[in-house]
Protein backbone atom coordinates (compact mmCIF):
# COMPACT_ATOMS: atom_id res chain seq x y z
CA MET A 1 83.66 136.73 -11.80
CA ARG A 2 82.54 137.42 -8.25
CA HIS A 3 83.34 134.75 -5.66
CA GLU A 4 80.81 134.07 -2.91
CA THR A 5 83.23 134.31 -0.01
CA ASP A 6 83.46 136.24 3.20
CA PRO A 7 84.54 139.82 2.28
CA LEU A 8 87.02 139.93 5.16
CA GLU A 9 88.64 136.69 3.99
CA THR A 10 88.85 138.11 0.47
CA VAL A 11 90.54 141.29 1.66
CA ALA A 12 92.92 139.31 3.86
CA ALA A 13 93.95 137.27 0.82
CA LEU A 14 94.38 140.36 -1.33
CA ARG A 15 96.23 142.44 1.21
CA PRO A 16 99.63 143.29 -0.32
CA ARG A 17 102.73 141.84 1.29
CA ALA A 18 104.07 145.40 1.52
CA VAL A 19 101.28 146.31 3.93
CA ASP A 20 102.15 143.40 6.22
CA GLU A 21 105.84 144.28 6.10
CA HIS A 22 105.11 147.88 7.01
CA VAL A 23 102.82 146.72 9.77
CA GLU A 24 105.41 144.37 11.26
CA ARG A 25 107.88 147.22 11.56
CA ILE A 26 105.21 149.38 13.10
CA HIS A 27 104.51 146.64 15.65
CA ARG A 28 108.15 146.64 16.64
CA ARG A 29 107.77 150.33 17.33
CA ASN A 30 104.70 149.80 19.50
CA ARG A 31 102.17 151.00 16.96
CA GLU A 32 99.62 148.20 17.35
CA GLY A 33 96.81 150.65 16.64
CA VAL A 34 98.01 151.29 13.10
CA LEU A 35 98.30 147.59 12.42
CA GLU A 36 94.80 146.81 13.60
CA ARG A 37 93.20 149.57 11.57
CA ALA A 38 95.27 148.89 8.47
CA ARG A 39 94.14 145.27 8.54
CA THR A 40 90.49 145.74 9.36
CA GLN A 41 89.45 149.01 7.73
CA GLY A 42 90.75 148.22 4.27
CA ALA A 43 87.44 146.51 3.50
CA ALA A 44 85.25 147.86 6.24
CA GLY A 45 83.09 149.94 3.92
CA SER A 46 82.50 153.66 4.29
CA GLY A 47 83.22 155.73 7.35
CA ARG A 48 86.21 157.56 8.73
CA ALA A 49 89.42 155.81 9.57
CA GLY A 50 91.93 156.21 12.40
CA ALA A 51 95.68 155.55 12.65
CA ARG A 52 99.05 156.73 13.80
CA GLY A 53 102.23 156.93 11.81
CA ARG A 54 105.39 158.58 10.62
CA PHE A 55 106.50 160.17 7.32
CA ARG A 56 108.11 163.22 5.67
CA HIS A 57 107.44 165.66 2.77
CA LEU A 58 106.48 169.33 1.93
CA LEU A 59 104.03 171.76 0.52
CA MET A 60 102.90 172.87 -2.85
CA VAL A 61 100.03 175.16 -3.59
CA SER A 62 98.67 176.43 -6.89
CA GLY A 63 96.69 179.51 -7.83
CA ALA A 64 96.58 182.27 -5.26
CA VAL A 65 97.72 180.02 -2.44
CA LEU A 66 101.33 180.02 -1.29
CA THR A 67 103.36 177.24 -2.90
CA ALA A 68 106.35 175.46 -1.52
CA VAL A 69 108.69 173.45 -3.70
CA SER A 70 112.47 173.13 -4.02
CA ALA A 71 115.81 172.13 -5.52
CA ALA A 72 118.15 169.41 -4.30
CA ALA A 73 121.04 170.00 -1.93
CA ALA A 74 124.07 167.74 -2.04
CA GLY A 75 123.92 164.96 0.48
CA ALA A 76 120.39 165.92 1.53
CA LEU A 77 117.62 163.51 2.41
CA LEU A 78 115.30 163.98 -0.56
CA PHE A 79 112.43 161.97 -1.91
CA THR A 80 112.54 161.56 -5.68
CA PRO A 81 109.46 159.52 -6.62
CA SER A 82 110.50 156.32 -8.33
CA ALA A 83 108.90 154.73 -11.34
CA SER A 84 106.57 151.88 -10.47
CA VAL A 85 103.73 150.01 -12.10
CA VAL A 86 100.58 148.43 -10.78
CA VAL A 87 97.53 147.04 -12.52
CA GLU A 88 94.31 146.49 -10.60
CA SER A 89 93.88 142.74 -10.24
CA PRO A 90 91.95 140.22 -8.14
CA SER A 91 95.05 138.12 -7.46
CA PRO A 92 97.85 138.78 -4.95
CA PRO A 93 101.34 139.50 -6.32
CA ALA A 94 103.74 136.63 -6.81
CA ALA A 95 106.50 136.69 -4.20
CA GLU A 96 109.22 135.98 -6.74
CA SER A 97 108.11 138.63 -9.22
CA GLY A 98 109.62 141.54 -7.32
CA GLY A 99 106.91 143.76 -8.80
CA PRO A 100 104.84 146.33 -6.95
CA PRO A 101 102.01 145.18 -4.70
CA GLN A 102 98.42 145.05 -5.88
CA TYR A 103 95.45 146.35 -3.94
CA ALA A 104 91.81 145.39 -3.61
CA ASP A 105 90.53 148.97 -3.68
CA ALA A 106 91.45 152.58 -3.00
CA ARG A 107 90.70 152.21 0.71
CA GLU A 108 93.25 149.42 1.07
CA PHE A 109 95.82 151.35 -0.97
CA LEU A 110 95.41 154.48 1.16
CA MET A 111 95.61 152.43 4.35
CA ALA A 112 98.88 150.98 3.02
CA ALA A 113 100.05 154.55 2.35
CA SER A 114 99.15 155.38 5.95
CA ALA A 115 101.22 152.45 7.21
CA ALA A 116 104.13 153.58 5.02
CA ALA A 117 103.77 157.12 6.33
CA ALA A 118 104.14 155.71 9.82
CA GLU A 119 107.68 154.73 8.88
CA GLY A 120 108.81 158.26 8.04
CA GLU A 121 110.93 160.65 10.04
CA ASP A 122 109.59 163.58 12.02
CA PRO A 123 110.78 167.05 11.03
CA GLN A 124 112.25 168.75 14.08
CA GLU A 125 112.44 172.37 15.17
CA GLY A 126 114.80 174.14 12.77
CA ASP A 127 114.81 171.45 10.08
CA ILE A 128 114.69 172.62 6.47
CA TRP A 129 112.07 171.11 4.19
CA TYR A 130 112.27 171.40 0.42
CA VAL A 131 109.78 170.82 -2.41
CA ARG A 132 110.15 171.18 -6.15
CA SER A 133 107.15 170.88 -8.45
CA HIS A 134 106.29 171.26 -12.13
CA GLN A 135 102.91 172.83 -12.85
CA TYR A 136 100.65 173.18 -15.86
CA GLN A 137 97.89 175.71 -15.24
CA SER A 138 95.22 177.55 -17.16
CA ALA A 139 96.53 181.02 -17.97
CA SER A 140 93.53 182.58 -19.70
CA PHE A 141 90.13 183.75 -18.56
CA TRP A 142 86.65 183.91 -20.01
CA GLY A 143 86.46 186.89 -22.33
CA ASP A 144 90.15 186.87 -23.29
CA GLY A 145 89.32 185.62 -26.77
CA PHE A 146 91.93 182.88 -26.59
CA GLU A 147 92.80 179.82 -24.53
CA ALA A 148 96.24 179.44 -23.02
CA HIS A 149 98.14 177.41 -20.46
CA GLN A 150 101.53 177.86 -18.87
CA GLN A 151 103.97 175.26 -17.65
CA PHE A 152 106.46 176.32 -14.98
CA VAL A 153 108.50 175.18 -12.00
CA GLU A 154 108.12 176.22 -8.37
CA GLU A 155 110.35 175.45 -5.40
CA ALA A 156 110.47 176.42 -1.76
CA TRP A 157 112.47 175.84 1.38
CA TRP A 158 110.67 175.85 4.71
CA THR A 159 112.36 176.18 8.07
CA ALA A 160 110.13 174.22 10.44
CA SER A 161 109.35 175.95 13.72
CA THR A 162 106.59 176.30 16.29
CA THR A 163 107.60 179.91 16.96
CA GLU A 164 109.14 181.46 13.85
CA PRO A 165 108.68 179.36 10.69
CA SER A 166 110.10 180.85 7.53
CA THR A 167 110.15 180.15 3.83
CA LEU A 168 112.04 181.07 0.69
CA GLY A 169 110.11 180.43 -2.50
CA ASN A 170 111.11 180.63 -6.15
CA TYR A 171 108.15 180.83 -8.52
CA CYS A 172 107.48 180.91 -12.26
CA LEU A 173 110.78 179.28 -13.20
CA ASP A 174 111.25 178.08 -16.78
CA ALA A 175 107.77 179.29 -17.77
CA GLU A 176 106.47 178.30 -21.20
CA GLU A 177 103.22 179.24 -22.92
CA HIS A 178 101.03 176.54 -24.44
CA PHE A 179 98.10 177.15 -26.80
CA PRO A 180 95.70 174.41 -27.89
CA THR A 181 95.56 175.79 -31.44
CA GLU A 182 97.49 178.19 -33.64
CA GLU A 183 94.36 180.34 -33.72
CA ASP A 184 94.59 180.78 -29.95
CA ARG A 185 98.23 181.82 -30.21
CA ALA A 186 97.42 184.25 -33.01
CA ALA A 187 94.57 185.77 -30.97
CA TRP A 188 96.93 186.21 -28.00
CA GLU A 189 99.51 187.91 -30.21
CA ARG A 190 96.87 190.18 -31.81
CA ASP A 191 95.91 191.21 -28.29
CA GLY A 192 99.47 192.38 -27.70
CA SER A 193 100.72 189.17 -26.07
CA PRO A 194 99.39 190.20 -22.64
CA PRO A 195 101.05 188.76 -19.52
CA LEU A 196 99.76 185.37 -18.48
CA VAL A 197 100.05 183.86 -15.00
CA CYS A 198 103.84 183.92 -15.01
CA GLU A 199 105.60 186.93 -16.50
CA GLU A 200 109.07 186.30 -15.08
CA PRO A 201 110.70 184.41 -12.20
CA ARG A 202 109.80 185.65 -8.72
CA SER A 203 111.27 185.02 -5.30
CA ASN A 204 109.77 185.72 -1.93
CA ARG A 205 110.90 185.29 1.66
CA ALA A 206 108.38 185.19 4.49
CA SER A 207 108.32 184.32 8.17
CA GLY A 208 105.97 184.17 11.11
CA ASN A 209 102.32 183.18 10.98
CA ILE A 210 102.13 181.91 7.38
CA ASP A 211 98.74 180.50 6.43
CA PHE A 212 98.50 177.27 4.45
CA VAL A 213 94.93 176.16 4.00
CA SER A 214 91.65 176.78 5.83
CA GLY A 215 93.26 178.56 8.74
CA LEU A 216 96.15 176.18 9.40
CA ALA A 217 99.38 178.10 9.90
CA ALA A 218 103.03 177.12 9.51
CA ASP A 219 103.75 177.37 13.22
CA GLU A 220 101.10 174.71 13.95
CA LEU A 221 102.34 172.00 11.63
CA LEU A 222 104.81 170.33 13.99
CA GLU A 223 102.14 169.97 16.66
CA LEU A 224 99.11 168.76 14.69
CA PRO A 225 97.33 165.68 16.10
CA GLY A 226 98.60 162.25 15.07
CA GLU A 227 95.32 160.47 15.78
CA PRO A 228 92.90 160.49 12.83
CA GLY A 229 89.80 161.33 14.84
CA GLU A 230 91.46 164.29 16.52
CA LEU A 231 92.99 165.51 13.27
CA GLU A 232 89.66 165.24 11.46
CA ASP A 233 87.89 167.15 14.24
CA LEU A 234 90.49 169.92 14.06
CA LEU A 235 90.31 170.17 10.26
CA ARG A 236 86.52 170.20 10.38
CA GLU A 237 86.52 172.97 12.98
CA ARG A 238 89.01 175.08 11.02
CA ARG A 239 87.09 174.55 7.81
CA ARG A 240 83.88 175.73 9.47
CA GLU A 241 85.60 178.83 10.83
CA TYR A 242 87.37 179.59 7.57
CA SER A 243 84.31 179.13 5.35
CA GLY A 244 81.88 180.77 7.77
CA SER A 245 79.56 177.76 7.53
CA GLY A 246 79.39 177.20 11.28
CA SER A 247 77.63 173.97 12.19
CA ASP A 248 76.12 173.76 8.67
CA LEU A 249 79.24 172.31 7.04
CA ALA A 250 77.91 169.48 4.88
CA GLU A 251 79.74 166.16 4.88
CA GLU A 252 80.21 166.22 1.11
CA ASP A 253 81.66 169.73 1.32
CA PHE A 254 84.11 168.61 3.98
CA ASP A 255 85.10 165.58 1.89
CA GLU A 256 85.66 167.83 -1.11
CA PHE A 257 87.88 170.04 1.01
CA LEU A 258 89.88 167.04 2.25
CA VAL A 259 90.64 165.75 -1.24
CA TRP A 260 91.34 169.26 -2.58
CA ALA A 261 93.75 169.96 0.27
CA ALA A 262 95.42 166.54 0.14
CA PRO A 263 98.26 167.46 -2.27
CA ILE A 264 99.05 170.45 -0.07
CA THR A 265 98.79 168.56 3.18
CA VAL A 266 100.59 165.31 2.42
CA THR A 267 103.62 167.20 1.09
CA LEU A 268 103.95 169.48 4.13
CA TYR A 269 106.64 169.08 6.79
CA LEU A 270 104.22 167.22 9.06
CA PRO A 271 104.95 164.83 11.91
CA ALA A 272 104.82 161.31 10.55
CA ASP A 273 101.84 160.45 12.75
CA THR A 274 99.91 163.38 11.30
CA ARG A 275 100.69 162.43 7.71
CA ALA A 276 99.64 158.84 8.35
CA ALA A 277 96.45 160.05 10.00
CA TYR A 278 95.59 162.22 6.98
CA TYR A 279 95.99 159.26 4.63
CA GLU A 280 93.69 157.24 6.86
CA ILE A 281 91.08 159.99 6.85
CA LEU A 282 91.24 159.96 3.04
CA ALA A 283 90.74 156.19 3.11
CA GLY A 284 87.37 156.77 4.78
CA ILE A 285 85.97 158.93 1.97
CA ASP A 286 83.38 157.24 -0.24
CA GLY A 287 83.95 157.20 -3.97
CA MET A 288 87.74 157.00 -4.15
CA ARG A 289 88.62 154.52 -6.90
CA LEU A 290 91.74 152.82 -8.21
CA ALA A 291 92.01 153.10 -12.00
CA GLY A 292 95.07 151.01 -12.79
CA GLU A 293 98.48 152.23 -13.83
CA ALA A 294 99.18 155.69 -15.24
CA VAL A 295 102.19 157.75 -16.25
CA ASP A 296 102.60 161.15 -14.64
CA PRO A 297 103.75 164.30 -16.50
CA LEU A 298 107.38 163.61 -15.53
CA GLY A 299 107.28 160.14 -17.06
CA ARG A 300 106.96 158.16 -13.83
CA THR A 301 104.57 155.23 -13.74
CA GLY A 302 102.33 154.86 -10.72
CA ILE A 303 98.79 154.03 -9.70
CA LYS A 304 95.88 156.31 -10.59
CA VAL A 305 93.45 157.19 -7.82
CA GLU A 306 90.25 158.83 -9.03
CA VAL A 307 88.75 161.38 -6.67
CA PRO A 308 84.95 161.75 -6.44
CA GLY A 309 83.15 164.95 -7.29
CA ARG A 310 84.30 166.09 -10.73
CA VAL A 311 83.44 164.40 -14.02
CA GLY A 312 84.70 165.46 -17.43
CA GLU A 313 82.79 165.64 -20.70
CA ASP A 314 83.74 162.03 -21.42
CA GLY A 315 82.09 160.87 -18.20
CA GLU A 316 85.43 160.03 -16.61
CA SER A 317 86.69 161.53 -13.37
CA SER A 318 88.56 164.76 -14.10
CA HIS A 319 90.19 164.89 -10.65
CA TYR A 320 92.74 162.24 -9.88
CA TRP A 321 96.12 161.59 -8.32
CA ILE A 322 99.00 159.46 -9.54
CA MET A 323 100.75 157.85 -6.60
CA ASP A 324 103.74 155.59 -6.16
CA ALA A 325 102.33 152.05 -6.17
CA ARG A 326 104.73 150.79 -3.51
CA THR A 327 104.75 153.64 -1.01
CA GLY A 328 101.66 155.73 -1.67
CA GLU A 329 103.85 158.80 -2.26
CA LEU A 330 102.05 161.47 -4.26
CA LEU A 331 103.59 161.91 -7.71
CA SER A 332 101.07 164.28 -9.29
CA ARG A 333 97.61 165.80 -8.93
CA HIS A 334 95.37 166.36 -11.97
CA LEU A 335 92.28 168.55 -12.16
CA GLY A 336 90.90 168.80 -15.66
CA GLU A 337 93.77 169.90 -17.88
CA ASN A 338 95.68 171.41 -14.97
CA TRP A 339 98.27 169.38 -13.10
CA ILE A 340 101.08 169.61 -10.61
CA ALA A 341 103.85 167.01 -10.47
CA PHE A 342 106.19 166.79 -7.50
CA GLU A 343 109.73 166.21 -8.70
CA GLU A 344 111.19 165.93 -5.20
CA TYR A 345 110.48 166.85 -1.60
CA GLY A 346 112.01 166.18 1.79
CA LEU A 347 114.60 167.31 4.30
CA VAL A 348 117.69 169.17 3.08
CA GLU A 349 120.72 170.61 4.80
CA GLU A 350 120.45 174.26 3.84
CA VAL A 351 118.20 176.87 2.28
CA GLY A 352 118.81 177.61 -1.39
CA GLU A 353 119.24 180.95 -3.14
CA PRO A 354 116.60 183.33 -4.52
CA ALA A 355 116.12 182.99 -8.26
CA ALA A 356 115.12 186.66 -8.57
CA PRO A 357 115.32 189.81 -6.44
CA LEU A 358 113.29 189.31 -3.28
CA GLY A 359 109.95 191.02 -3.23
CA GLY A 360 106.57 189.84 -4.49
């Protein structure tokens, strides 16, 4: 039942304790701007946000884009997303329950993620950033006569630098074919079992001006703006240049780019302020929706955030993220049947080994 109360009072009552705790720590570090925005913009309606912060993570990319993911190093500082549960609810969490916080809406949740990001550590010149992901991707094309998917693991180590960034990536590890029906498998076999996306493990080493998304390069990541307005302006400018749309870049197209690029961007080795700013930009996109608790492909329970723009045959959003309910950490991204789940990402002490001869 809807209560006839001031919306700002309602949001203040619903604001999770975790947000306030993050904000208090940010205050002690002279980040009053993040606090003010995290408190006021959670219910401020549509429009872009603006914050500063700190965080840490790395990159994954699917399809033809470069992916970065990795394996753990002993004693390294790695993020392994923890299991957590949240159910959308109009009541604040009980202090004695010890359970995860609850949020009024996706905007408030993403603002809390921004505040948490502000608590992260900044990658420094020469630091090594590692990501390991599990992916499930379509591996067949129209006209093949069969439908197939592949599940595989990717990992990468990135050496952060403003002059000579480098990466070692291992791709197509532990690849398995999946067919929706036995008829699809039989059709694939009759066709000679042609190679799918992953034939065998691959390793690649690269350095220098490595592109990520829409013109952003690896050597820029440590120096990206930490203020949401500046970061948004830069991303908008790069998107225009990259897409050739000039000044005709529609707002909905830019929003679609932001949510598509989010799994890549929020797992990069970004300055914490930049990561927090990106979360706050996402909080300003209309149509983001919390959809209660969900379990990701690796069995971790988190909160489901539906992304606007794509709707499946059942009328439900076919593009969504599962995020840690306490921290806002990205656990997995889902687009139709395809998904990518981040097993771990963060700073490590050394670069790993190639899984296959270096080359393509």
